[in-house]
C-alpha atoms as a PDB file:
ATOM      1  CA  MET A   1       0.004  -0.041  -0.083  1.00  0.00           C
ATOM      2  CA  LYS A   2       1.368   3.364  -1.001  1.00  0.00           C
ATOM      3  CA  ILE A   3       0.462   6.375   1.128  1.00  0.00           C
ATOM      4  CA  LEU A   4       1.140   8.880  -1.365  1.00  0.00           C
ATOM      5  CA  THR A   5       1.148   9.058  -5.204  1.00  0.00           C
ATOM      6  CA  VAL A   6       3.012  11.916  -6.737  1.00  0.00           C
ATOM      7  CA  ALA A   7       1.785  12.566 -10.296  1.00  0.00           C
ATOM      8  CA  ILE A   8       4.489  14.226 -12.640  1.00  0.00           C
ATOM      9  CA  PRO A   9       3.257  15.280 -15.895  1.00  0.00           C
ATOM     10  CA  CYS A  10       5.862  15.635 -18.592  1.00  0.00           C
ATOM     11  CA  TYR A  11       5.817  16.890 -22.000  1.00  0.00           C
ATOM     12  CA  ASN A  12       9.303  17.563 -23.678  1.00  0.00           C
ATOM     13  CA  SER A  13      10.892  17.883 -20.244  1.00  0.00           C
ATOM     14  CA  GLU A  14      14.139  16.184 -20.530  1.00  0.00           C
ATOM     15  CA  ALA A  15      16.051  19.323 -19.863  1.00  0.00           C
ATOM     16  CA  TYR A  16      14.602  19.619 -16.243  1.00  0.00           C
ATOM     17  CA  MET A  17      12.267  16.696 -15.236  1.00  0.00           C
ATOM     18  CA  ARG A  18      14.922  14.798 -13.214  1.00  0.00           C
ATOM     19  CA  LYS A  19      14.832  17.390 -10.470  1.00  0.00           C
ATOM     20  CA  ALA A  20      11.068  16.842 -10.041  1.00  0.00           C
ATOM     21  CA  ILE A  21      11.614  12.964  -9.948  1.00  0.00           C
ATOM     22  CA  ASP A  22      14.681  12.957  -7.705  1.00  0.00           C
ATOM     23  CA  HIS A  23      12.876  15.348  -5.015  1.00  0.00           C
ATOM     24  CA  ALA A  24       9.793  12.989  -5.094  1.00  0.00           C
ATOM     25  CA  LEU A  25      11.683   9.681  -4.811  1.00  0.00           C
ATOM     26  CA  VAL A  26      13.067  10.634  -1.402  1.00  0.00           C
ATOM     27  CA  GLY A  27       9.704   9.758  -0.080  1.00  0.00           C
ATOM     28  CA  GLY A  28      10.911   6.098  -0.364  1.00  0.00           C
ATOM     29  CA  GLU A  29       8.614   3.006  -0.386  1.00  0.00           C
ATOM     30  CA  ASP A  30       5.729   4.895   0.851  1.00  0.00           C
ATOM     31  CA  VAL A  31       5.513   6.998  -2.254  1.00  0.00           C
ATOM     32  CA  GLU A  32       4.471   6.052  -5.748  1.00  0.00           C
ATOM     33  CA  VAL A  33       5.904   8.211  -8.384  1.00  0.00           C
ATOM     34  CA  LEU A  34       4.083   8.263 -11.637  1.00  0.00           C
ATOM     35  CA  VAL A  35       6.071  10.044 -14.494  1.00  0.00           C
ATOM     36  CA  ILE A  36       3.541  10.493 -17.304  1.00  0.00           C
ATOM     37  CA  ASP A  37       5.066  11.210 -20.546  1.00  0.00           C
ATOM     38  CA  ASP A  38       2.329  13.230 -22.629  1.00  0.00           C
ATOM     39  CA  GLY A  39       3.396  12.271 -25.998  1.00  0.00           C
ATOM     40  CA  SER A  40       6.768  14.034 -26.205  1.00  0.00           C
ATOM     41  CA  SER A  41       9.163  14.226 -29.092  1.00  0.00           C
ATOM     42  CA  ASP A  42      12.345  14.249 -27.041  1.00  0.00           C
ATOM     43  CA  GLY A  43      13.808  11.975 -24.632  1.00  0.00           C
ATOM     44  CA  THR A  44      11.162  12.354 -21.941  1.00  0.00           C
ATOM     45  CA  LEU A  45       9.844   8.863 -22.408  1.00  0.00           C
ATOM     46  CA  GLU A  46      13.289   7.410 -22.282  1.00  0.00           C
ATOM     47  CA  ILE A  47      14.252   9.083 -19.073  1.00  0.00           C
ATOM     48  CA  ALA A  48      11.084   7.970 -17.328  1.00  0.00           C
ATOM     49  CA  LYS A  49      11.649   4.410 -18.274  1.00  0.00           C
ATOM     50  CA  ASP A  50      15.280   4.643 -16.886  1.00  0.00           C
ATOM     51  CA  TYR A  51      13.834   5.673 -13.548  1.00  0.00           C
ATOM     52  CA  GLU A  52      11.311   3.082 -13.585  1.00  0.00           C
ATOM     53  CA  ARG A  53      14.019   0.379 -14.360  1.00  0.00           C
ATOM     54  CA  ARG A  54      16.077   1.988 -11.461  1.00  0.00           C
ATOM     55  CA  HIS A  55      13.237   2.225  -9.024  1.00  0.00           C
ATOM     56  CA  PRO A  56      11.074  -0.940  -9.490  1.00  0.00           C
ATOM     57  CA  GLY A  57       7.985  -0.587  -7.298  1.00  0.00           C
ATOM     58  CA  VAL A  58       8.326   3.244  -6.662  1.00  0.00           C
ATOM     59  CA  VAL A  59       8.483   4.817 -10.316  1.00  0.00           C
ATOM     60  CA  ARG A  60       5.878   4.067 -12.921  1.00  0.00           C
ATOM     61  CA  ALA A  61       6.649   5.316 -16.531  1.00  0.00           C
ATOM     62  CA  ILE A  62       3.281   6.011 -18.234  1.00  0.00           C
ATOM     63  CA  HIS A  63       3.132   6.945 -21.713  1.00  0.00           C
ATOM     64  CA  GLN A  64       0.113   8.339 -23.811  1.00  0.00           C
ATOM     65  CA  GLU A  65      -0.677  10.175 -26.837  1.00  0.00           C
ATOM     66  CA  ASN A  66      -0.591  13.992 -26.338  1.00  0.00           C
ATOM     67  CA  LYS A  67      -3.599  15.028 -24.136  1.00  0.00           C
ATOM     68  CA  GLY A  68      -2.290  18.099 -22.638  1.00  0.00           C
ATOM     69  CA  HIS A  69      -1.529  18.728 -19.108  1.00  0.00           C
ATOM     70  CA  GLY A  70      -5.449  18.078 -17.930  1.00  0.00           C
ATOM     71  CA  GLY A  71      -5.120  14.680 -19.767  1.00  0.00           C
ATOM     72  CA  ALA A  72      -2.085  13.728 -17.818  1.00  0.00           C
ATOM     73  CA  VAL A  73      -3.433  14.748 -14.479  1.00  0.00           C
ATOM     74  CA  ASN A  74      -6.440  12.415 -15.654  1.00  0.00           C
ATOM     75  CA  THR A  75      -4.073   9.590 -16.249  1.00  0.00           C
ATOM     76  CA  GLY A  76      -2.484  10.073 -12.709  1.00  0.00           C
ATOM     77  CA  ILE A  77      -5.768  10.050 -10.905  1.00  0.00           C
ATOM     78  CA  ALA A  78      -6.885   6.725 -12.574  1.00  0.00           C
ATOM     79  CA  GLU A  79      -3.609   5.243 -12.256  1.00  0.00           C
ATOM     80  CA  ALA A  80      -2.871   6.095  -8.693  1.00  0.00           C
ATOM     81  CA  GLN A  81      -2.490   3.417  -6.163  1.00  0.00           C
ATOM     82  CA  GLY A  82      -1.712   5.810  -3.400  1.00  0.00           C
ATOM     83  CA  ILE A  83      -4.203   6.662  -0.427  1.00  0.00           C
ATOM     84  CA  TYR A  84      -3.242  10.240  -1.286  1.00  0.00           C
ATOM     85  CA  PHE A  85      -2.544  12.258  -4.564  1.00  0.00           C
ATOM     86  CA  LYS A  86      -0.392  14.929  -5.461  1.00  0.00           C
ATOM     87  CA  VAL A  87       0.313  16.715  -8.766  1.00  0.00           C
ATOM     88  CA  CYS A  88       4.077  18.127  -9.361  1.00  0.00           C
ATOM     89  CA  ASP A  89       4.560  19.652 -12.595  1.00  0.00           C
ATOM     90  CA  SER A  90       7.910  18.479 -14.267  1.00  0.00           C
ATOM     91  CA  ASP A  91       9.539  21.846 -13.700  1.00  0.00           C
ATOM     92  CA  ASP A  92       8.880  22.202  -9.997  1.00  0.00           C
ATOM     93  CA  TRP A  93      10.072  20.211  -6.998  1.00  0.00           C
ATOM     94  CA  LEU A  94       9.121  19.426  -3.364  1.00  0.00           C
ATOM     95  CA  ASP A  95      11.048  20.712  -0.555  1.00  0.00           C
ATOM     96  CA  TYR A  96      12.917  17.801   1.322  1.00  0.00           C
ATOM     97  CA  ASP A  97      12.257  18.656   4.981  1.00  0.00           C
ATOM     98  CA  SER A  98       8.629  19.676   4.379  1.00  0.00           C
ATOM     99  CA  TYR A  99       8.087  16.409   2.223  1.00  0.00           C
ATOM    100  CA  MET A 100       9.443  14.262   5.281  1.00  0.00           C
ATOM    101  CA  GLN A 101       6.825  16.266   7.733  1.00  0.00           C
ATOM    102  CA  VAL A 102       3.989  15.757   5.026  1.00  0.00           C
ATOM    103  CA  LEU A 103       4.618  11.804   4.845  1.00  0.00           C
ATOM    104  CA  ARG A 104       4.969  11.748   8.884  1.00  0.00           C
ATOM    105  CA  VAL A 105       1.333  13.522   9.012  1.00  0.00           C
ATOM    106  CA  LEU A 106      -0.146  11.194   6.438  1.00  0.00           C
ATOM    107  CA  ARG A 107       1.183   8.085   8.135  1.00  0.00           C
ATOM    108  CA  LYS A 108      -0.444   9.299  11.221  1.00  0.00           C
ATOM    109  CA  VAL A 109      -3.813  10.277   9.397  1.00  0.00           C
ATOM    110  CA  ILE A 110      -4.369   6.933   7.599  1.00  0.00           C
ATOM    111  CA  THR A 111      -4.100   4.814  11.106  1.00  0.00           C
ATOM    112  CA  GLY A 112      -6.264   7.434  13.098  1.00  0.00           C
ATOM    113  CA  PRO A 113     -10.100   7.310  13.547  1.00  0.00           C
ATOM    114  CA  LYS A 114     -10.940  10.592  11.278  1.00  0.00           C
ATOM    115  CA  THR A 115     -10.760  10.580   7.375  1.00  0.00           C
ATOM    116  CA  LEU A 116      -8.723  13.442   6.030  1.00  0.00           C
ATOM    117  CA  ASP A 117      -9.829  14.828   2.645  1.00  0.00           C
ATOM    118  CA  ALA A 118      -7.446  17.422   1.911  1.00  0.00           C
ATOM    119  CA  LEU A 119      -3.977  18.475   3.319  1.00  0.00           C
ATOM    120  CA  ILE A 120      -2.874  22.078   2.764  1.00  0.00           C
ATOM    121  CA  CYS A 121       0.797  23.314   2.646  1.00  0.00           C
ATOM    122  CA  ASN A 122       2.563  26.266   1.605  1.00  0.00           C
ATOM    123  CA  TYR A 123       4.299  26.994  -1.525  1.00  0.00           C
ATOM    124  CA  VAL A 124       6.837  29.242  -2.860  1.00  0.00           C
ATOM    125  CA  TYR A 125       7.354  31.392  -5.868  1.00  0.00           C
ATOM    126  CA  ASP A 126      10.966  30.060  -7.159  1.00  0.00           C
ATOM    127  CA  LYS A 127      11.430  33.097  -9.626  1.00  0.00           C
ATOM    128  CA  VAL A 128      14.499  33.140 -11.578  1.00  0.00           C
ATOM    129  CA  GLY A 129      16.539  36.299 -10.654  1.00  0.00           C
ATOM    130  CA  ALA A 130      14.538  36.998  -7.554  1.00  0.00           C
ATOM    131  CA  ARG A 131      16.723  37.777  -4.620  1.00  0.00           C
ATOM    132  CA  LYS A 132      14.029  36.981  -2.202  1.00  0.00           C
ATOM    133  CA  LYS A 133      11.601  34.030  -2.852  1.00  0.00           C
ATOM    134  CA  ARG A 134       8.103  34.833  -1.895  1.00  0.00           C
ATOM    135  CA  MET A 135       5.942  32.101  -0.098  1.00  0.00           C
ATOM    136  CA  MET A 136       2.092  31.720   0.041  1.00  0.00           C
ATOM    137  CA  ARG A 137       1.340  31.172   3.554  1.00  0.00           C
ATOM    138  CA  TYR A 138      -2.068  30.439   5.583  1.00  0.00           C
ATOM    139  CA  VAL A 139      -1.145  31.176   9.037  1.00  0.00           C
ATOM    140  CA  GLY A 140      -4.046  32.860  10.828  1.00  0.00           C
ATOM    141  CA  SER A 141      -6.459  31.485   8.300  1.00  0.00           C
ATOM    142  CA  PHE A 142      -6.404  27.772   9.039  1.00  0.00           C
ATOM    143  CA  PRO A 143      -6.135  25.576  12.263  1.00  0.00           C
ATOM    144  CA  GLU A 144      -2.573  24.182  12.374  1.00  0.00           C
ATOM    145  CA  ASN A 145      -1.324  20.661  12.896  1.00  0.00           C
ATOM    146  CA  ARG A 146      -4.655  18.810  13.327  1.00  0.00           C
ATOM    147  CA  ILE A 147      -7.768  17.749  11.292  1.00  0.00           C
ATOM    148  CA  PHE A 148     -10.307  20.585  11.131  1.00  0.00           C
ATOM    149  CA  THR A 149     -13.842  21.064   9.477  1.00  0.00           C
ATOM    150  CA  TRP A 150     -14.828  23.962   7.505  1.00  0.00           C
ATOM    151  CA  ASP A 151     -16.574  25.341  10.772  1.00  0.00           C
ATOM    152  CA  GLU A 152     -13.489  25.338  12.597  1.00  0.00           C
ATOM    153  CA  ILE A 153     -11.759  28.252  10.328  1.00  0.00           C
ATOM    154  CA  GLU A 154     -12.066  31.342  12.218  1.00  0.00           C
ATOM    155  CA  LYS A 155     -10.538  34.039   9.558  1.00  0.00           C
ATOM    156  CA  PRO A 156     -11.303  33.912   5.919  1.00  0.00           C
ATOM    157  CA  LEU A 157      -8.291  34.203   3.461  1.00  0.00           C
ATOM    158  CA  ASN A 158      -7.784  37.911   2.223  1.00  0.00           C
ATOM    159  CA  SER A 159      -7.521  38.910  -1.359  1.00  0.00           C
ATOM    160  CA  HIS A 160      -3.840  38.488  -1.581  1.00  0.00           C
ATOM    161  CA  ARG A 161      -3.817  34.628  -0.509  1.00  0.00           C
ATOM    162  CA  TYR A 162      -5.290  31.791  -2.192  1.00  0.00           C
ATOM    163  CA  VAL A 163      -4.877  27.998  -2.384  1.00  0.00           C
ATOM    164  CA  LEU A 164      -3.514  26.915  -5.604  1.00  0.00           C
ATOM    165  CA  MET A 165      -3.235  23.176  -6.773  1.00  0.00           C
ATOM    166  CA  HIS A 166       0.273  23.524  -5.456  1.00  0.00           C
ATOM    167  CA  SER A 167      -0.852  23.829  -2.064  1.00  0.00           C
ATOM    168  CA  LEU A 168      -3.066  20.844  -2.071  1.00  0.00           C
ATOM    169  CA  ILE A 169      -2.792  16.927  -1.630  1.00  0.00           C
ATOM    170  CA  TYR A 170      -6.010  15.310  -1.855  1.00  0.00           C
ATOM    171  CA  ARG A 171      -7.535  11.868  -0.850  1.00  0.00           C
ATOM    172  CA  THR A 172      -7.294   9.854  -3.982  1.00  0.00           C
ATOM    173  CA  GLU A 173     -11.002   8.381  -3.837  1.00  0.00           C
ATOM    174  CA  LEU A 174     -12.447  11.686  -3.022  1.00  0.00           C
ATOM    175  CA  LEU A 175     -10.944  12.950  -6.445  1.00  0.00           C
ATOM    176  CA  ARG A 176     -12.678   9.684  -8.088  1.00  0.00           C
ATOM    177  CA  GLU A 177     -15.875  10.155  -6.399  1.00  0.00           C
ATOM    178  CA  CYS A 178     -16.296  13.799  -7.133  1.00  0.00           C
ATOM    179  CA  GLY A 179     -15.844  12.946 -10.779  1.00  0.00           C
ATOM    180  CA  LEU A 180     -12.891  15.326 -11.683  1.00  0.00           C
ATOM    181  CA  VAL A 181     -12.131  15.033 -15.160  1.00  0.00           C
ATOM    182  CA  LEU A 182     -10.180  17.887 -16.683  1.00  0.00           C
ATOM    183  CA  PRO A 183     -10.501  19.024 -20.283  1.00  0.00           C
ATOM    184  CA  GLU A 184      -7.697  17.904 -22.655  1.00  0.00           C
ATOM    185  CA  HIS A 185      -5.559  20.194 -24.647  1.00  0.00           C
ATOM    186  CA  THR A 186      -6.470  23.013 -22.318  1.00  0.00           C
ATOM    187  CA  PHE A 187      -4.048  25.013 -20.205  1.00  0.00           C
ATOM    188  CA  TYR A 188      -4.921  26.562 -16.577  1.00  0.00           C
ATOM    189  CA  VAL A 189      -6.730  23.264 -15.551  1.00  0.00           C
ATOM    190  CA  ASP A 190      -4.772  23.688 -12.218  1.00  0.00           C
ATOM    191  CA  ASN A 191      -7.486  25.848 -11.170  1.00  0.00           C
ATOM    192  CA  LEU A 192     -10.083  23.211 -11.621  1.00  0.00           C
ATOM    193  CA  VAL A 193      -7.873  20.855  -9.333  1.00  0.00           C
ATOM    194  CA  ALA A 194      -7.839  23.407  -6.725  1.00  0.00           C
ATOM    195  CA  PHE A 195     -11.452  24.511  -6.961  1.00  0.00           C
ATOM    196  CA  THR A 196     -13.912  21.427  -7.871  1.00  0.00           C
ATOM    197  CA  PRO A 197     -12.843  18.885  -5.370  1.00  0.00           C
ATOM    198  CA  MET A 198     -13.025  21.510  -2.472  1.00  0.00           C
ATOM    199  CA  ILE A 199     -16.844  21.503  -3.082  1.00  0.00           C
ATOM    200  CA  TYR A 200     -16.750  17.811  -1.789  1.00  0.00           C
ATOM    201  CA  VAL A 201     -14.278  18.216   0.841  1.00  0.00           C
ATOM    202  CA  LYS A 202     -15.289  17.843   4.442  1.00  0.00           C
ATOM    203  CA  THR A 203     -12.079  17.682   6.376  1.00  0.00           C
ATOM    204  CA  LEU A 204      -8.853  19.489   6.093  1.00  0.00           C
ATOM    205  CA  TYR A 205      -5.390  19.889   7.612  1.00  0.00           C
ATOM    206  CA  TYR A 206      -2.916  22.485   7.325  1.00  0.00           C
ATOM    207  CA  LEU A 207       0.856  22.028   7.719  1.00  0.00           C
ATOM    208  CA  ASN A 208       2.811  25.199   7.763  1.00  0.00           C
ATOM    209  CA  VAL A 209       5.646  24.192   5.765  1.00  0.00           C
ATOM    210  CA  PRO A 210       6.935  25.058   2.139  1.00  0.00           C
ATOM    211  CA  LEU A 211       6.514  22.138   0.615  1.00  0.00           C
ATOM    212  CA  TYR A 212       6.277  22.854  -3.155  1.00  0.00           C
ATOM    213  CA  ARG A 213       8.752  25.052  -5.044  1.00  0.00           C
ATOM    214  CA  TYR A 214       6.811  26.631  -7.806  1.00  0.00           C
ATOM    215  CA  TYR A 215       9.466  27.514 -10.753  1.00  0.00           C
ATOM    216  CA  ILE A 216       8.859  30.593 -12.653  1.00  0.00           C
ATOM    217  CA  GLY A 217      11.374  31.957 -15.274  1.00  0.00           C
ATOM    218  CA  ARG A 218      10.919  30.209 -18.687  1.00  0.00           C
ATOM    219  CA  GLU A 219       9.910  32.322 -21.381  1.00  0.00           C
ATOM    220  CA  ASP A 220       7.641  29.480 -22.963  1.00  0.00           C
ATOM    221  CA  GLN A 221       5.964  28.625 -19.576  1.00  0.00           C
ATOM    222  CA  SER A 222       2.398  28.619 -19.252  1.00  0.00           C
ATOM    223  CA  VAL A 223       2.070  31.305 -16.670  1.00  0.00           C
ATOM    224  CA  ASN A 224       4.261  33.861 -18.674  1.00  0.00           C
ATOM    225  CA  GLU A 225       1.959  36.637 -19.158  1.00  0.00           C
ATOM    226  CA  ALA A 226       2.335  37.015 -22.605  1.00  0.00           C
ATOM    227  CA  VAL A 227       1.739  33.250 -23.156  1.00  0.00           C
ATOM    228  CA  MET A 228      -1.436  33.774 -20.924  1.00  0.00           C
ATOM    229  CA  ILE A 229      -2.415  36.417 -23.180  1.00  0.00           C
ATOM    230  CA  SER A 230      -1.926  34.607 -26.262  1.00  0.00           C
ATOM    231  CA  ARG A 231      -4.021  31.573 -24.746  1.00  0.00           C
ATOM    232  CA  ILE A 232      -6.863  33.832 -23.282  1.00  0.00           C
ATOM    233  CA  ASP A 233      -9.405  31.569 -24.666  1.00  0.00           C
ATOM    234  CA  GLN A 234      -8.208  28.709 -22.647  1.00  0.00           C
ATOM    235  CA  GLN A 235      -8.211  30.764 -19.459  1.00  0.00           C
ATOM    236  CA  ILE A 236     -11.651  32.038 -20.161  1.00  0.00           C
ATOM    237  CA  ARG A 237     -12.914  28.228 -20.833  1.00  0.00           C
ATOM    238  CA  VAL A 238     -11.489  27.094 -17.615  1.00  0.00           C
ATOM    239  CA  THR A 239     -13.137  29.957 -15.882  1.00  0.00           C
ATOM    240  CA  LYS A 240     -16.351  29.342 -17.352  1.00  0.00           C
ATOM    241  CA  MET A 241     -15.935  25.444 -16.191  1.00  0.00           C
ATOM    242  CA  MET A 242     -15.285  26.609 -12.526  1.00  0.00           C
ATOM    243  CA  ILE A 243     -18.689  28.656 -12.708  1.00  0.00           C
ATOM    244  CA  ASP A 244     -20.540  25.870 -14.307  1.00  0.00           C
ATOM    245  CA  GLY A 245     -19.032  23.202 -11.628  1.00  0.00           C
ATOM    246  CA  TYR A 246     -20.072  25.155  -8.641  1.00  0.00           C
ATOM    247  CA  ARG A 247     -22.642  23.362  -6.710  1.00  0.00           C
ATOM    248  CA  PRO A 248     -24.362  25.459  -3.726  1.00  0.00           C
ATOM    249  CA  ASP A 249     -26.495  22.641  -2.690  1.00  0.00           C
ATOM    250  CA  LEU A 250     -23.344  20.671  -1.784  1.00  0.00           C
ATOM    251  CA  ALA A 251     -21.084  23.438  -0.479  1.00  0.00           C
ATOM    252  CA  LYS A 252     -23.283  24.290   2.474  1.00  0.00           C
ATOM    253  CA  LYS A 253     -20.910  25.494   4.759  1.00  0.00           C
ATOM    254  CA  LYS A 254     -20.324  29.159   5.107  1.00  0.00           C
ATOM    255  CA  ASN A 255     -16.421  29.115   5.137  1.00  0.00           C
ATOM    256  CA  GLN A 256     -16.692  26.498   2.566  1.00  0.00           C
ATOM    257  CA  THR A 257     -18.544  28.801   0.340  1.00  0.00           C
ATOM    258  CA  ASP A 258     -16.505  31.805   1.312  1.00  0.00           C
ATOM    259  CA  PHE A 259     -13.271  29.654   0.193  1.00  0.00           C
ATOM    260  CA  LEU A 260     -14.938  28.921  -3.301  1.00  0.00           C
ATOM    261  CA  VAL A 261     -16.158  32.534  -3.752  1.00  0.00           C
ATOM    262  CA  HIS A 262     -12.687  33.769  -2.902  1.00  0.00           C
ATOM    263  CA  TYR A 263     -10.936  31.426  -5.365  1.00  0.00           C
ATOM    264  CA  LEU A 264     -13.465  31.968  -8.145  1.00  0.00           C
ATOM    265  CA  GLY A 265     -12.876  35.891  -7.571  1.00  0.00           C
ATOM    266  CA  ILE A 266      -9.283  35.380  -8.008  1.00  0.00           C
ATOM    267  CA  ILE A 267      -9.666  33.725 -11.144  1.00  0.00           C
ATOM    268  CA  MET A 268     -12.185  36.111 -12.386  1.00  0.00           C
ATOM    269  CA  THR A 269      -9.659  38.769 -11.558  1.00  0.00           C
ATOM    270  CA  VAL A 270      -7.026  37.264 -13.306  1.00  0.00           C
ATOM    271  CA  SER A 271      -9.084  36.581 -16.577  1.00  0.00           C
ATOM    272  CA  SER A 272     -10.273  40.287 -16.574  1.00  0.00           C
ATOM    273  CA  ILE A 273      -6.712  41.840 -16.047  1.00  0.00           C
ATOM    274  CA  LEU A 274      -5.333  39.831 -18.874  1.00  0.00           C
ATOM    275  CA  LEU A 275      -8.336  40.709 -21.174  1.00  0.00           C
ATOM    276  CA  LEU A 276      -7.743  44.481 -19.929  1.00  0.00           C
ATOM    277  CA  ARG A 277      -3.957  44.111 -20.821  1.00  0.00           C
ATOM    278  CA  MET A 278      -4.723  43.315 -24.669  1.00  0.00           C
ATOM    279  CA  GLU A 279      -6.224  46.839 -25.008  1.00  0.00           C
ATOM    280  CA  THR A 280      -8.721  45.962 -27.628  1.00  0.00           C
ATOM    281  CA  SER A 281     -12.388  46.407 -28.086  1.00  0.00           C
ATOM    282  CA  GLU A 282     -12.923  42.700 -28.724  1.00  0.00           C
ATOM    283  CA  ALA A 283     -11.274  41.996 -25.198  1.00  0.00           C
ATOM    284  CA  LEU A 284     -13.121  44.463 -23.412  1.00  0.00           C
ATOM    285  CA  ASP A 285     -16.266  42.740 -24.952  1.00  0.00           C
ATOM    286  CA  MET A 286     -14.955  39.444 -23.994  1.00  0.00           C
ATOM    287  CA  LYS A 287     -14.370  40.674 -20.543  1.00  0.00           C
ATOM    288  CA  LYS A 288     -18.059  41.965 -20.273  1.00  0.00           C
ATOM    289  CA  GLU A 289     -19.369  38.711 -21.745  1.00  0.00           C
ATOM    290  CA  LEU A 290     -17.436  36.736 -18.841  1.00  0.00           C
ATOM    291  CA  TRP A 291     -19.171  38.801 -15.948  1.00  0.00           C
ATOM    292  CA  GLU A 292     -22.416  38.291 -17.701  1.00  0.00           C
ATOM    293  CA  TYR A 293     -22.038  34.434 -18.001  1.00  0.00           C
ATOM    294  CA  LEU A 294     -21.537  34.494 -13.970  1.00  0.00           C
ATOM    295  CA  LYS A 295     -24.199  36.649 -13.479  1.00  0.00           C
ATOM    296  CA  LYS A 296     -26.608  34.441 -15.591  1.00  0.00           C
ATOM    297  CA  LYS A 297     -25.305  31.235 -14.046  1.00  0.00           C
ATOM    298  CA  ASP A 298     -25.289  32.365 -10.247  1.00  0.00           C
ATOM    299  CA  LEU A 299     -26.488  35.880  -9.323  1.00  0.00           C
ATOM    300  CA  ILE A 300     -25.607  35.147  -5.663  1.00  0.00           C
ATOM    301  CA  MET A 301     -21.939  34.380  -6.450  1.00  0.00           C
ATOM    302  CA  TYR A 302     -21.926  37.115  -9.233  1.00  0.00           C
ATOM    303  CA  LEU A 303     -23.075  39.965  -6.636  1.00  0.00           C
ATOM    304  CA  ARG A 304     -20.483  38.510  -3.846  1.00  0.00           C
ATOM    305  CA  ILE A 305     -17.493  38.769  -6.382  1.00  0.00           C
ATOM    306  CA  ARG A 306     -18.623  41.828  -8.174  1.00  0.00           C
ATOM    307  CA  HIS A 307     -18.833  43.886  -4.928  1.00  0.00           C
ATOM    308  CA  SER A 308     -15.370  42.379  -3.389  1.00  0.00           C
ATOM    309  CA  PHE A 309     -12.451  44.452  -3.525  1.00  0.00           C
ATOM    310  CA  LEU A 310     -11.109  42.774  -6.486  1.00  0.00           C
ATOM    311  CA  GLY A 311     -14.313  42.681  -8.429  1.00  0.00           C
ATOM    312  CA  ARG A 312     -14.755  46.615  -7.887  1.00  0.00           C
ATOM    313  CA  MET A 313     -11.114  47.055  -9.071  1.00  0.00           C
ATOM    314  CA  VAL A 314     -11.251  45.232 -12.524  1.00  0.00           C
ATOM    315  CA  ASN A 315     -14.405  46.880 -13.204  1.00  0.00           C
ATOM    316  CA  VAL A 316     -13.933  50.734 -12.744  1.00  0.00           C
ATOM    317  CA  PRO A 317     -15.239  52.158 -15.960  1.00  0.00           C
ATOM    318  CA  GLY A 318     -13.036  54.032 -18.429  1.00  0.00           C
ATOM    319  CA  LYS A 319      -9.583  53.967 -19.477  1.00  0.00           C
ATOM    320  CA  ALA A 320      -8.471  55.666 -15.951  1.00  0.00           C
ATOM    321  CA  GLY A 321     -10.258  52.720 -14.250  1.00  0.00           C
ATOM    322  CA  ARG A 322      -8.521  50.168 -16.619  1.00  0.00           C
ATOM    323  CA  GLU A 323      -4.941  51.629 -15.915  1.00  0.00           C
ATOM    324  CA  MET A 324      -5.495  51.502 -12.085  1.00  0.00           C
ATOM    325  CA  ALA A 325      -6.646  47.861 -12.259  1.00  0.00           C
ATOM    326  CA  ILE A 326      -3.436  47.030 -14.127  1.00  0.00           C
ATOM    327  CA  LYS A 327      -1.458  49.025 -11.980  1.00  0.00           C
ATOM    328  CA  GLY A 328      -2.579  47.313  -8.807  1.00  0.00           C
ATOM    329  CA  TYR A 329      -1.941  44.027 -10.445  1.00  0.00           C
ATOM    330  CA  ARG A 330       1.393  44.981 -11.272  1.00  0.00           C
ATOM    331  CA  LEU A 331       2.085  45.841  -7.721  1.00  0.00           C
ATOM    332  CA  THR A 332       0.756  42.660  -6.388  1.00  0.00           C
ATOM    333  CA  GLN A 333       2.770  40.857  -9.200  1.00  0.00           C
ATOM    334  CA  LYS A 334       5.902  42.498  -8.168  1.00  0.00           C
ATOM    335  CA  PHE A 335       5.429  41.721  -4.258  1.00  0.00           C
ATOM    336  CA  TYR A 336       4.648  38.095  -4.807  1.00  0.00           C
ATOM    337  CA  GLY A 337       6.791  37.289  -7.781  1.00  0.00           C
ATOM    338  CA  PHE A 338       4.252  35.390  -9.876  1.00  0.00           C
ATOM    339  CA  ASN A 339       4.119  35.309 -13.826  1.00  0.00           C
END
């Protein structure tokens, strides 16, 4: 029995994937490492197979026709044998000391009387050239070092803190039970991983350690701002899927609803800012249509997000309002080091 499956989707990743795999391997026999080659044309598959030969019973090399990041994560969920499931992108890695603490927690949890659905850790924006690496932490928002429910959260996340896929480890069966299937050939599906299962999560655990090192620096990286703008259709598609997937009939706890509203508000803001950055009348129409889409789908959700600080910021009318929104985004970007 494996405690944790670490799925590493790889596409033409031969230049950097070894670091992600090596850092996942230090978990030992309790960990399963799935290296998922998503139809690469370089040496990715050969590297994956070499790791499988050298680490039998721990590493599995899986090859599939190209389906995009979402298709690779889908394969990881379907193939996972671990009780818990973690996605690690092939250019990122897991911090050793934090990883060891996470595994100690999971070993304890699986023998305890309570079922844990989601483990939350910190992550670090490991931006190339940045002298100081920014960490996303949740101190003060979540109880630490114990299993807790939504009712036990005392302070909601503020507008500058959000729980990405990089923060999360899920119970594998929960991902299957909630029917999480990511769209293929679509970027930014990590937002669905951080959003959709949380509708079904009942128990959480916050471990205040910097587990995930989120590398930012390649020009072709999907989170590069220019690349995101060129793929704005995929960003909007994922945002609309989040809107469509929201289930107020299931997410009944106030703190749970607040969490989901907060996260969707972040993604609505990101989508809006990218459209504003395009500086075209077509982009402004797309932004208006996106907010109208949310309004028609869920008026209560729309009103909460539209009248939040971020919702107001990206919807100030006129050129001056647009410039103010972009300036606010730039300040946040500079402070945290994302993109």
